[in-house]
Amino acid sequence: MIIEKNPKELAAMAQFHQGNRQEGLRLQEEFAAEFRETYKDKDHCSCQKACRYHGNCKECVAIHRAHQEHVPNCMRPIINAKLKSLSELTEHTIAYEIEPPHEILRK
């Protein structure tokens, strides 16, 4: 089972956007049920960083909500894709204005 850009969940969101809430909820529950079954005994966490909270989304998200300095590693690709689209509006010139923290290594 794939999680990122899952076809069933994408279809659910399309139904929500079309105003078909019931069908969206049905598809979303199908996705959630398949997720629960597939990952009941294996790792689902996409984070590549060694972390005490790996796979424990509740605690990980609570920690990030509490300190509000950055988002969990697993959410960064989603947010970065959205920001990249926005950055296209200015030919990505924002990149010249961003100074990464010392712990972030760039290519």
Protein backbone atom coordinates (compact mmCIF):
# COMPACT_ATOMS: atom_id res chain seq x y z
CA MET A 1 0.00 0.00 0.00
CA ILE A 2 1.26 3.45 -0.85
CA ILE A 3 0.40 6.34 1.43
CA GLU A 4 1.67 9.39 -0.43
CA LYS A 5 -0.70 10.33 -3.26
CA ASN A 6 -2.81 7.23 -2.63
CA PRO A 7 -5.33 6.85 -5.50
CA LYS A 8 -8.24 6.08 -3.19
CA GLU A 9 -7.57 9.08 -0.98
CA LEU A 10 -7.09 11.32 -4.03
CA ALA A 11 -10.48 10.09 -5.28
CA ALA A 12 -11.98 10.85 -1.86
CA MET A 13 -10.67 14.41 -2.00
CA ALA A 14 -12.07 14.82 -5.52
CA GLN A 15 -15.48 13.77 -4.19
CA PHE A 16 -15.23 16.26 -1.32
CA HIS A 17 -14.34 19.04 -3.78
CA GLN A 18 -17.35 18.11 -5.92
CA GLY A 19 -19.61 18.37 -2.87
CA ASN A 20 -20.12 14.60 -2.55
CA ARG A 21 -19.32 14.39 1.15
CA GLN A 22 -20.83 10.93 1.72
CA GLU A 23 -18.82 9.35 -1.10
CA GLY A 24 -15.68 11.17 0.05
CA LEU A 25 -16.15 9.84 3.58
CA ARG A 26 -16.77 6.32 2.28
CA LEU A 27 -13.58 6.33 0.22
CA GLN A 28 -11.63 7.90 3.07
CA GLU A 29 -12.76 5.16 5.44
CA GLU A 30 -11.76 2.51 2.88
CA PHE A 31 -8.29 4.06 2.78
CA ALA A 32 -8.10 4.21 6.59
CA ALA A 33 -9.26 0.59 6.93
CA GLU A 34 -6.69 -0.58 4.39
CA PHE A 35 -4.02 1.45 6.18
CA ARG A 36 -4.92 -0.07 9.57
CA GLU A 37 -4.78 -3.58 8.15
CA THR A 38 -1.60 -3.12 6.12
CA TYR A 39 0.39 -1.34 8.82
CA LYS A 40 -0.83 -3.04 11.97
CA ASP A 41 2.44 -4.97 12.23
CA LYS A 42 4.90 -2.90 10.22
CA ASP A 43 6.46 0.54 10.10
CA HIS A 44 4.53 3.27 8.28
CA CYS A 45 6.71 6.24 9.25
CA SER A 46 8.40 7.94 6.30
CA CYS A 47 10.83 9.87 8.48
CA GLN A 48 14.43 8.95 7.70
CA LYS A 49 15.76 10.54 10.88
CA ALA A 50 16.57 8.35 13.87
CA CYS A 51 14.12 9.58 16.50
CA ARG A 52 12.63 8.30 19.71
CA TYR A 53 9.14 9.12 18.35
CA HIS A 54 9.55 7.30 15.00
CA GLY A 55 6.17 5.83 14.07
CA ASN A 56 4.40 7.46 17.01
CA CYS A 57 2.56 10.19 15.11
CA LYS A 58 0.42 11.32 18.05
CA GLU A 59 3.36 12.20 20.24
CA CYS A 60 5.49 13.51 17.38
CA VAL A 61 2.77 15.90 16.17
CA ALA A 62 1.98 16.97 19.75
CA ILE A 63 5.63 17.87 20.31
CA HIS A 64 5.77 19.92 17.10
CA ARG A 65 2.46 21.63 17.91
CA ALA A 66 3.81 22.47 21.34
CA HIS A 67 7.11 24.08 20.31
CA GLN A 68 5.83 25.45 16.96
CA GLU A 69 9.29 25.97 15.51
CA HIS A 70 9.03 23.59 12.56
CA VAL A 71 6.95 20.71 11.23
CA PRO A 72 7.62 16.96 11.48
CA ASN A 73 10.04 15.60 8.89
CA CYS A 74 7.31 13.51 7.28
CA MET A 75 5.28 16.64 6.47
CA ARG A 76 8.13 18.60 4.90
CA PRO A 77 7.89 17.14 1.36
CA ILE A 78 4.17 18.00 1.24
CA ILE A 79 4.72 21.56 2.44
CA ASN A 80 7.82 22.05 0.29
CA ALA A 81 5.86 21.01 -2.84
CA LYS A 82 3.21 23.63 -2.05
CA LEU A 83 5.85 26.29 -1.36
CA LYS A 84 7.71 25.41 -4.54
CA SER A 85 4.55 26.07 -6.56
CA LEU A 86 4.16 29.45 -4.89
CA SER A 87 7.84 30.22 -5.36
CA GLU A 88 7.41 29.81 -9.13
CA LEU A 89 5.48 33.10 -9.06
CA THR A 90 8.76 34.92 -8.38
CA GLU A 91 11.04 32.65 -10.43
CA HIS A 92 12.20 31.04 -7.17
CA THR A 93 14.16 34.16 -6.20
CA ILE A 94 13.19 33.57 -2.56
CA ALA A 95 16.00 30.99 -2.55
CA TYR A 96 18.52 33.85 -2.49
CA GLU A 97 16.97 35.18 0.70
CA ILE A 98 16.87 31.93 2.69
CA GLU A 99 19.68 31.11 5.10
CA PRO A 100 19.33 27.52 6.35
CA PRO A 101 20.00 26.71 10.00
CA HIS A 102 23.45 25.29 10.74
CA GLU A 103 22.09 21.77 11.31
CA ILE A 104 20.67 21.63 7.77
CA LEU A 105 23.12 20.48 5.14
CA ARG A 106 22.43 21.40 1.53
CA LYS A 107 23.59 19.56 -1.56
